[in-house]
Amino acid sequence: MNPSGHVALVTGGGSGLGEATARALAARGAKVALADIQVERATQVAEEIGGIAVKCDVTSEEDGQAAILAAAEKLGAPRILVNCAGIAVAVKTVGKDGPHSLDLYRKVIEINLLGTFNMIRLFAAAAQDLDPLEGGERGVIVNTASVAAFDGQVGQVAYSASKGGVVGMTLPIARDLSRSGIRVCTIAPGIFKTPMMAGLPEDAQASLGQQVPFPPRLGEPSEYAQLACHIVENQMLNGETIRLDGAIRMAPR
């Protein structure tokens, strides 16, 4: 699908991978709606790219529906969904303070996994009724997992489980939605320059980057965005999880 002239909804669009993707899609002519719980930053980005911002908790059915309706009313019916909203925590299964908080584990699963599925199902329900484009395509969904889905490190049990769930549901959702002409792919990034990484000292960032075989550096959000746009544009990409990691395989620590 050529994104030019079509509407894209990007969750977590106010920063990091989501912001970079929103900017990249807008540069390709898409009309972009940024759904983010931090709506102030999303509004700033939306103003810069000529899009709109909607406050959205991806775990909420009401917020998800409202984001899709707002995009449809102000820009047109969305045909592209990019799920970048998510959180990361570092807690061991059992640590010095006792067992992993069940509430914290549940929160990570709810945002990263249930939130992703919530937006997929609501988007797909609306997109399936759109007129088909060339090749019968009606929509494209790009999800965000992580290499932690495969190489979970110490303290990443909740995060790895949530991202593993995103990987695991990619193919069955693609099969479910094939009759509607809606494609689904997932990107599993390695170590990227996200806001979380930006808070680390420069020497720590450089050390992490050196763990990547090649190129030996942190990934740029624009490189994630480039792949997300290619998935949108390449109709043969469907049901697949793509590692974007410079060949890194995470060590236990």
C-alpha atoms as a PDB file:
ATOM      1  CA  MET A   1       0.000   0.000   0.000  1.00  0.00           C
ATOM      2  CA  ASN A   2       1.330   3.387  -0.937  1.00  0.00           C
ATOM      3  CA  PRO A   3       0.764   5.420   2.247  1.00  0.00           C
ATOM      4  CA  SER A   4       0.329   8.668   0.325  1.00  0.00           C
ATOM      5  CA  GLY A   5      -3.175   9.994   0.822  1.00  0.00           C
ATOM      6  CA  HIS A   6      -4.144   7.297   3.315  1.00  0.00           C
ATOM      7  CA  VAL A   7      -4.720   7.661   7.045  1.00  0.00           C
ATOM      8  CA  ALA A   8      -2.393   6.082   9.598  1.00  0.00           C
ATOM      9  CA  LEU A   9      -2.984   5.663  13.316  1.00  0.00           C
ATOM     10  CA  VAL A  10       0.210   5.383  15.387  1.00  0.00           C
ATOM     11  CA  THR A  11      -0.012   4.455  19.069  1.00  0.00           C
ATOM     12  CA  GLY A  12       2.753   5.762  21.273  1.00  0.00           C
ATOM     13  CA  GLY A  13       3.236   8.356  18.553  1.00  0.00           C
ATOM     14  CA  GLY A  14       4.478  11.113  20.818  1.00  0.00           C
ATOM     15  CA  SER A  15       7.999   9.800  21.282  1.00  0.00           C
ATOM     16  CA  GLY A  16      10.602   7.218  20.332  1.00  0.00           C
ATOM     17  CA  LEU A  17       9.772   4.638  17.683  1.00  0.00           C
ATOM     18  CA  GLY A  18       6.201   5.877  17.350  1.00  0.00           C
ATOM     19  CA  GLU A  19       7.228   9.471  16.767  1.00  0.00           C
ATOM     20  CA  ALA A  20       9.788   8.463  14.147  1.00  0.00           C
ATOM     21  CA  THR A  21       7.199   6.325  12.364  1.00  0.00           C
ATOM     22  CA  ALA A  22       4.585   9.056  12.430  1.00  0.00           C
ATOM     23  CA  ARG A  23       7.082  11.470  10.889  1.00  0.00           C
ATOM     24  CA  ALA A  24       8.172   8.955   8.252  1.00  0.00           C
ATOM     25  CA  LEU A  25       4.604   8.173   7.212  1.00  0.00           C
ATOM     26  CA  ALA A  26       3.748  11.861   7.029  1.00  0.00           C
ATOM     27  CA  ALA A  27       6.823  12.436   4.851  1.00  0.00           C
ATOM     28  CA  ARG A  28       5.418   9.791   2.489  1.00  0.00           C
ATOM     29  CA  GLY A  29       2.147  11.667   2.201  1.00  0.00           C
ATOM     30  CA  ALA A  30       0.067   9.868   4.827  1.00  0.00           C
ATOM     31  CA  LYS A  31      -2.348  11.693   7.109  1.00  0.00           C
ATOM     32  CA  VAL A  32      -1.328  10.667  10.620  1.00  0.00           C
ATOM     33  CA  ALA A  33      -3.234  10.423  13.884  1.00  0.00           C
ATOM     34  CA  LEU A  34      -1.034  10.032  16.965  1.00  0.00           C
ATOM     35  CA  ALA A  35      -2.632   8.138  19.851  1.00  0.00           C
ATOM     36  CA  ASP A  36      -0.718   8.553  23.092  1.00  0.00           C
ATOM     37  CA  ILE A  37      -1.480   8.706  26.783  1.00  0.00           C
ATOM     38  CA  GLN A  38       1.044  11.591  26.924  1.00  0.00           C
ATOM     39  CA  VAL A  39      -1.066  13.749  24.645  1.00  0.00           C
ATOM     40  CA  GLU A  40       0.904  16.968  25.175  1.00  0.00           C
ATOM     41  CA  ARG A  41       4.001  15.655  23.407  1.00  0.00           C
ATOM     42  CA  ALA A  42       1.876  13.910  20.772  1.00  0.00           C
ATOM     43  CA  THR A  43       0.116  17.202  20.065  1.00  0.00           C
ATOM     44  CA  GLN A  44       3.450  18.920  19.468  1.00  0.00           C
ATOM     45  CA  VAL A  45       4.534  16.232  17.004  1.00  0.00           C
ATOM     46  CA  ALA A  46       1.126  16.263  15.286  1.00  0.00           C
ATOM     47  CA  GLU A  47       1.351  20.017  14.742  1.00  0.00           C
ATOM     48  CA  GLU A  48       4.781  19.620  13.161  1.00  0.00           C
ATOM     49  CA  ILE A  49       3.649  16.944  10.688  1.00  0.00           C
ATOM     50  CA  GLY A  50       0.159  18.217   9.946  1.00  0.00           C
ATOM     51  CA  GLY A  51      -1.623  15.414  11.799  1.00  0.00           C
ATOM     52  CA  ILE A  52      -3.803  15.145  14.865  1.00  0.00           C
ATOM     53  CA  ALA A  53      -3.232  13.881  18.397  1.00  0.00           C
ATOM     54  CA  VAL A  54      -5.657  11.888  20.533  1.00  0.00           C
ATOM     55  CA  LYS A  55      -5.226  10.985  24.187  1.00  0.00           C
ATOM     56  CA  CYS A  56      -5.479   7.206  24.326  1.00  0.00           C
ATOM     57  CA  ASP A  57      -4.946   4.469  26.880  1.00  0.00           C
ATOM     58  CA  VAL A  58      -4.495   1.478  24.580  1.00  0.00           C
ATOM     59  CA  THR A  59      -5.866  -0.897  27.221  1.00  0.00           C
ATOM     60  CA  SER A  60      -9.230   0.894  27.144  1.00  0.00           C
ATOM     61  CA  GLU A  61     -11.880  -0.148  24.635  1.00  0.00           C
ATOM     62  CA  GLU A  62     -13.473   3.290  24.914  1.00  0.00           C
ATOM     63  CA  ASP A  63     -10.210   5.136  24.284  1.00  0.00           C
ATOM     64  CA  GLY A  64      -9.324   2.856  21.388  1.00  0.00           C
ATOM     65  CA  GLN A  65     -12.677   3.381  19.733  1.00  0.00           C
ATOM     66  CA  ALA A  66     -12.458   7.118  20.324  1.00  0.00           C
ATOM     67  CA  ALA A  67      -9.015   7.300  18.706  1.00  0.00           C
ATOM     68  CA  ILE A  68     -10.197   5.476  15.590  1.00  0.00           C
ATOM     69  CA  LEU A  69     -13.344   7.612  15.380  1.00  0.00           C
ATOM     70  CA  ALA A  70     -11.365  10.836  15.849  1.00  0.00           C
ATOM     71  CA  ALA A  71      -9.006   9.846  13.056  1.00  0.00           C
ATOM     72  CA  ALA A  72     -11.923   8.958  10.777  1.00  0.00           C
ATOM     73  CA  GLU A  73     -13.808  12.178  11.484  1.00  0.00           C
ATOM     74  CA  LYS A  74     -10.834  14.530  11.088  1.00  0.00           C
ATOM     75  CA  LEU A  75      -8.649  12.775   8.531  1.00  0.00           C
ATOM     76  CA  GLY A  76     -10.552   9.856   7.033  1.00  0.00           C
ATOM     77  CA  ALA A  77     -10.904   6.163   7.810  1.00  0.00           C
ATOM     78  CA  PRO A  78      -7.534   4.684   8.899  1.00  0.00           C
ATOM     79  CA  ARG A  79      -6.011   2.011   6.676  1.00  0.00           C
ATOM     80  CA  ILE A  80      -2.687   1.808   8.545  1.00  0.00           C
ATOM     81  CA  LEU A  81      -2.142   0.970  12.217  1.00  0.00           C
ATOM     82  CA  VAL A  82       1.287   1.010  13.853  1.00  0.00           C
ATOM     83  CA  ASN A  83       1.382  -0.164  17.479  1.00  0.00           C
ATOM     84  CA  CYS A  84       4.313   1.403  19.346  1.00  0.00           C
ATOM     85  CA  ALA A  85       2.771   2.050  22.766  1.00  0.00           C
ATOM     86  CA  GLY A  86       4.448   0.045  25.510  1.00  0.00           C
ATOM     87  CA  ILE A  87       6.393   0.012  28.756  1.00  0.00           C
ATOM     88  CA  ALA A  88       9.436  -1.857  30.089  1.00  0.00           C
ATOM     89  CA  VAL A  89      10.322  -2.882  33.630  1.00  0.00           C
ATOM     90  CA  ALA A  90      13.283  -4.705  35.146  1.00  0.00           C
ATOM     91  CA  VAL A  91      12.251  -7.020  37.987  1.00  0.00           C
ATOM     92  CA  LYS A  92      13.411 -10.548  38.730  1.00  0.00           C
ATOM     93  CA  THR A  93      10.986 -13.403  39.294  1.00  0.00           C
ATOM     94  CA  VAL A  94      12.234 -13.495  42.882  1.00  0.00           C
ATOM     95  CA  GLY A  95      14.518 -10.725  44.120  1.00  0.00           C
ATOM     96  CA  LYS A  96      15.872  -9.330  47.356  1.00  0.00           C
ATOM     97  CA  ASP A  97      12.463  -7.888  48.181  1.00  0.00           C
ATOM     98  CA  GLY A  98      10.578 -11.120  47.460  1.00  0.00           C
ATOM     99  CA  PRO A  99       8.578 -12.363  44.471  1.00  0.00           C
ATOM    100  CA  HIS A 100       7.811 -10.254  41.415  1.00  0.00           C
ATOM    101  CA  SER A 101       4.799  -8.001  41.997  1.00  0.00           C
ATOM    102  CA  LEU A 102       1.812  -9.641  40.350  1.00  0.00           C
ATOM    103  CA  ASP A 103       0.204  -6.238  39.798  1.00  0.00           C
ATOM    104  CA  LEU A 104       3.300  -4.964  37.988  1.00  0.00           C
ATOM    105  CA  TYR A 105       3.484  -8.116  35.861  1.00  0.00           C
ATOM    106  CA  ARG A 106      -0.189  -7.716  35.002  1.00  0.00           C
ATOM    107  CA  LYS A 107       0.326  -4.041  34.082  1.00  0.00           C
ATOM    108  CA  VAL A 108       3.101  -4.878  31.602  1.00  0.00           C
ATOM    109  CA  ILE A 109       0.986  -7.594  29.977  1.00  0.00           C
ATOM    110  CA  GLU A 110      -2.055  -5.322  29.832  1.00  0.00           C
ATOM    111  CA  ILE A 111      -0.250  -2.463  28.102  1.00  0.00           C
ATOM    112  CA  ASN A 112       2.156  -4.311  25.815  1.00  0.00           C
ATOM    113  CA  LEU A 113       0.069  -7.333  24.854  1.00  0.00           C
ATOM    114  CA  LEU A 114      -3.590  -6.645  25.600  1.00  0.00           C
ATOM    115  CA  GLY A 115      -3.213  -3.020  24.512  1.00  0.00           C
ATOM    116  CA  THR A 116      -1.743  -4.102  21.191  1.00  0.00           C
ATOM    117  CA  PHE A 117      -4.511  -6.637  20.621  1.00  0.00           C
ATOM    118  CA  ASN A 118      -7.180  -4.131  21.660  1.00  0.00           C
ATOM    119  CA  MET A 119      -6.075  -1.664  18.991  1.00  0.00           C
ATOM    120  CA  ILE A 120      -5.712  -4.418  16.372  1.00  0.00           C
ATOM    121  CA  ARG A 121      -9.220  -5.763  16.850  1.00  0.00           C
ATOM    122  CA  LEU A 122     -10.867  -2.321  16.861  1.00  0.00           C
ATOM    123  CA  PHE A 123      -8.906  -1.125  13.833  1.00  0.00           C
ATOM    124  CA  ALA A 124      -9.607  -4.323  11.888  1.00  0.00           C
ATOM    125  CA  ALA A 125     -13.324  -4.194  12.653  1.00  0.00           C
ATOM    126  CA  ALA A 126     -13.486  -0.767  11.001  1.00  0.00           C
ATOM    127  CA  ALA A 127     -11.010  -1.419   8.155  1.00  0.00           C
ATOM    128  CA  GLN A 128     -12.761  -4.574   6.954  1.00  0.00           C
ATOM    129  CA  ASP A 129     -15.666  -2.460   5.734  1.00  0.00           C
ATOM    130  CA  LEU A 130     -13.519  -0.152   3.598  1.00  0.00           C
ATOM    131  CA  ASP A 131     -13.428  -0.439  -0.180  1.00  0.00           C
ATOM    132  CA  PRO A 132     -10.554  -2.666  -1.308  1.00  0.00           C
ATOM    133  CA  LEU A 133      -7.482  -1.129  -2.884  1.00  0.00           C
ATOM    134  CA  GLU A 134      -5.240  -2.713  -5.511  1.00  0.00           C
ATOM    135  CA  GLY A 135      -4.893  -6.437  -4.887  1.00  0.00           C
ATOM    136  CA  GLY A 136      -7.883  -6.446  -2.548  1.00  0.00           C
ATOM    137  CA  GLU A 137      -5.976  -4.803   0.296  1.00  0.00           C
ATOM    138  CA  ARG A 138      -7.951  -2.880   2.910  1.00  0.00           C
ATOM    139  CA  GLY A 139      -5.446  -2.308   5.695  1.00  0.00           C
ATOM    140  CA  VAL A 140      -2.010  -2.915   7.184  1.00  0.00           C
ATOM    141  CA  ILE A 141      -1.030  -3.448  10.822  1.00  0.00           C
ATOM    142  CA  VAL A 142       2.524  -3.163  12.160  1.00  0.00           C
ATOM    143  CA  ASN A 143       3.186  -4.269  15.744  1.00  0.00           C
ATOM    144  CA  THR A 144       6.213  -3.755  17.962  1.00  0.00           C
ATOM    145  CA  ALA A 145       7.742  -6.682  19.840  1.00  0.00           C
ATOM    146  CA  SER A 146      11.390  -6.879  20.955  1.00  0.00           C
ATOM    147  CA  VAL A 147      14.369  -9.192  20.766  1.00  0.00           C
ATOM    148  CA  ALA A 148      13.485  -9.807  24.418  1.00  0.00           C
ATOM    149  CA  ALA A 149      10.713 -12.029  23.074  1.00  0.00           C
ATOM    150  CA  PHE A 150      13.480 -14.454  22.084  1.00  0.00           C
ATOM    151  CA  ASP A 151      16.510 -13.477  24.213  1.00  0.00           C
ATOM    152  CA  GLY A 152      14.947 -12.316  27.468  1.00  0.00           C
ATOM    153  CA  GLN A 153      17.530 -11.146  29.984  1.00  0.00           C
ATOM    154  CA  VAL A 154      17.615 -11.331  33.761  1.00  0.00           C
ATOM    155  CA  GLY A 155      14.785  -9.168  35.088  1.00  0.00           C
ATOM    156  CA  GLN A 156      12.836  -9.143  31.828  1.00  0.00           C
ATOM    157  CA  VAL A 157      10.287 -11.848  32.629  1.00  0.00           C
ATOM    158  CA  ALA A 158       7.256  -9.563  32.349  1.00  0.00           C
ATOM    159  CA  TYR A 159       8.551  -7.641  29.345  1.00  0.00           C
ATOM    160  CA  SER A 160       9.651 -10.795  27.515  1.00  0.00           C
ATOM    161  CA  ALA A 161       6.316 -12.487  28.148  1.00  0.00           C
ATOM    162  CA  SER A 162       4.396  -9.490  26.822  1.00  0.00           C
ATOM    163  CA  LYS A 163       6.516  -9.191  23.680  1.00  0.00           C
ATOM    164  CA  GLY A 164       6.527 -12.951  23.161  1.00  0.00           C
ATOM    165  CA  GLY A 165       2.746 -12.737  23.142  1.00  0.00           C
ATOM    166  CA  VAL A 166       2.851 -10.101  20.407  1.00  0.00           C
ATOM    167  CA  VAL A 167       5.096 -12.365  18.318  1.00  0.00           C
ATOM    168  CA  GLY A 168       2.889 -15.378  18.976  1.00  0.00           C
ATOM    169  CA  MET A 169      -0.332 -13.713  17.863  1.00  0.00           C
ATOM    170  CA  THR A 170       1.075 -12.195  14.659  1.00  0.00           C
ATOM    171  CA  LEU A 171       0.548 -15.196  12.368  1.00  0.00           C
ATOM    172  CA  PRO A 172      -2.902 -16.240  13.631  1.00  0.00           C
ATOM    173  CA  ILE A 173      -4.171 -12.672  13.390  1.00  0.00           C
ATOM    174  CA  ALA A 174      -2.793 -12.411   9.843  1.00  0.00           C
ATOM    175  CA  ARG A 175      -4.644 -15.610   9.007  1.00  0.00           C
ATOM    176  CA  ASP A 176      -7.818 -14.373  10.701  1.00  0.00           C
ATOM    177  CA  LEU A 177      -7.777 -11.112   8.754  1.00  0.00           C
ATOM    178  CA  SER A 178      -6.670 -12.478   5.378  1.00  0.00           C
ATOM    179  CA  ARG A 179     -10.246 -12.730   4.142  1.00  0.00           C
ATOM    180  CA  SER A 180     -10.648  -9.013   4.822  1.00  0.00           C
ATOM    181  CA  GLY A 181      -7.480  -8.046   2.964  1.00  0.00           C
ATOM    182  CA  ILE A 182      -5.715  -6.794   6.105  1.00  0.00           C
ATOM    183  CA  ARG A 183      -2.027  -7.644   6.555  1.00  0.00           C
ATOM    184  CA  VAL A 184      -0.245  -7.977   9.896  1.00  0.00           C
ATOM    185  CA  CYS A 185       3.487  -7.931  10.635  1.00  0.00           C
ATOM    186  CA  THR A 186       5.601  -7.387  13.731  1.00  0.00           C
ATOM    187  CA  ILE A 187       8.988  -5.729  14.168  1.00  0.00           C
ATOM    188  CA  ALA A 188      11.250  -7.002  16.962  1.00  0.00           C
ATOM    189  CA  PRO A 189      13.810  -4.233  17.582  1.00  0.00           C
ATOM    190  CA  GLY A 190      17.114  -4.737  19.349  1.00  0.00           C
ATOM    191  CA  ILE A 191      18.754  -1.938  21.331  1.00  0.00           C
ATOM    192  CA  PHE A 192      17.460   1.394  20.031  1.00  0.00           C
ATOM    193  CA  LYS A 193      17.816   5.049  20.967  1.00  0.00           C
ATOM    194  CA  THR A 194      14.462   5.350  22.675  1.00  0.00           C
ATOM    195  CA  PRO A 195      13.707   7.895  25.437  1.00  0.00           C
ATOM    196  CA  MET A 196      14.548   5.204  28.003  1.00  0.00           C
ATOM    197  CA  MET A 197      17.999   4.728  26.472  1.00  0.00           C
ATOM    198  CA  ALA A 198      18.509   8.467  26.088  1.00  0.00           C
ATOM    199  CA  GLY A 199      18.421   8.778  29.865  1.00  0.00           C
ATOM    200  CA  LEU A 200      21.589   6.693  30.209  1.00  0.00           C
ATOM    201  CA  PRO A 201      25.072   8.276  30.241  1.00  0.00           C
ATOM    202  CA  GLU A 202      26.769   8.457  26.844  1.00  0.00           C
ATOM    203  CA  ASP A 203      29.428   5.938  27.844  1.00  0.00           C
ATOM    204  CA  ALA A 204      26.709   3.472  28.870  1.00  0.00           C
ATOM    205  CA  GLN A 205      24.962   3.943  25.539  1.00  0.00           C
ATOM    206  CA  ALA A 206      28.242   3.395  23.699  1.00  0.00           C
ATOM    207  CA  SER A 207      28.901   0.234  25.711  1.00  0.00           C
ATOM    208  CA  LEU A 208      25.492  -1.158  24.828  1.00  0.00           C
ATOM    209  CA  GLY A 209      26.012  -0.282  21.187  1.00  0.00           C
ATOM    210  CA  GLN A 210      29.295  -2.196  21.121  1.00  0.00           C
ATOM    211  CA  GLN A 211      27.368  -5.386  21.939  1.00  0.00           C
ATOM    212  CA  VAL A 212      25.766  -5.253  18.486  1.00  0.00           C
ATOM    213  CA  PRO A 213      27.809  -7.300  15.958  1.00  0.00           C
ATOM    214  CA  PHE A 214      27.226  -4.878  13.084  1.00  0.00           C
ATOM    215  CA  PRO A 215      26.721  -2.036  12.982  1.00  0.00           C
ATOM    216  CA  PRO A 216      28.220  -1.708  16.501  1.00  0.00           C
ATOM    217  CA  ARG A 217      25.880   1.016  17.730  1.00  0.00           C
ATOM    218  CA  LEU A 218      22.377   1.642  18.994  1.00  0.00           C
ATOM    219  CA  GLY A 219      19.618   1.563  16.419  1.00  0.00           C
ATOM    220  CA  GLU A 220      18.053   4.834  15.306  1.00  0.00           C
ATOM    221  CA  PRO A 221      14.267   5.242  15.599  1.00  0.00           C
ATOM    222  CA  SER A 222      14.310   6.319  11.945  1.00  0.00           C
ATOM    223  CA  GLU A 223      15.558   2.837  11.020  1.00  0.00           C
ATOM    224  CA  TYR A 224      12.558   1.266  12.739  1.00  0.00           C
ATOM    225  CA  ALA A 225      10.334   3.756  10.916  1.00  0.00           C
ATOM    226  CA  GLN A 226      11.947   2.873   7.595  1.00  0.00           C
ATOM    227  CA  LEU A 227      11.095  -0.806   8.086  1.00  0.00           C
ATOM    228  CA  ALA A 228       7.562  -0.001   9.246  1.00  0.00           C
ATOM    229  CA  CYS A 229       6.993   2.010   6.076  1.00  0.00           C
ATOM    230  CA  HIS A 230       8.400  -0.774   3.921  1.00  0.00           C
ATOM    231  CA  ILE A 231       5.997  -3.253   5.524  1.00  0.00           C
ATOM    232  CA  VAL A 232       3.148  -0.911   4.643  1.00  0.00           C
ATOM    233  CA  GLU A 233       4.376  -0.634   1.067  1.00  0.00           C
ATOM    234  CA  ASN A 234       5.278  -4.294   0.396  1.00  0.00           C
ATOM    235  CA  GLN A 235       2.089  -6.298  -0.037  1.00  0.00           C
ATOM    236  CA  MET A 236       3.868  -9.646   0.224  1.00  0.00           C
ATOM    237  CA  LEU A 237       4.953  -9.037   3.811  1.00  0.00           C
ATOM    238  CA  ASN A 238       2.329 -10.663   6.003  1.00  0.00           C
ATOM    239  CA  GLY A 239       2.206 -12.817   9.128  1.00  0.00           C
ATOM    240  CA  GLU A 240       5.906 -12.305   9.816  1.00  0.00           C
ATOM    241  CA  THR A 241       8.020 -11.075  12.729  1.00  0.00           C
ATOM    242  CA  ILE A 242      11.193  -9.316  11.594  1.00  0.00           C
ATOM    243  CA  ARG A 243      14.154  -8.867  13.924  1.00  0.00           C
ATOM    244  CA  LEU A 244      15.749  -5.449  13.513  1.00  0.00           C
ATOM    245  CA  ASP A 245      18.815  -5.831  15.683  1.00  0.00           C
ATOM    246  CA  GLY A 246      22.177  -5.796  13.883  1.00  0.00           C
ATOM    247  CA  ALA A 247      22.471  -9.562  14.570  1.00  0.00           C
ATOM    248  CA  ILE A 248      22.590  -9.141  18.354  1.00  0.00           C
ATOM    249  CA  ARG A 249      21.666 -12.088  20.562  1.00  0.00           C
ATOM    250  CA  MET A 250      21.208 -10.835  24.083  1.00  0.00           C
ATOM    251  CA  ALA A 251      23.326 -12.347  26.862  1.00  0.00           C
ATOM    252  CA  PRO A 252      21.649 -13.222  30.181  1.00  0.00           C
ATOM    253  CA  ARG A 253      22.817  -9.883  31.630  1.00  0.00           C
END
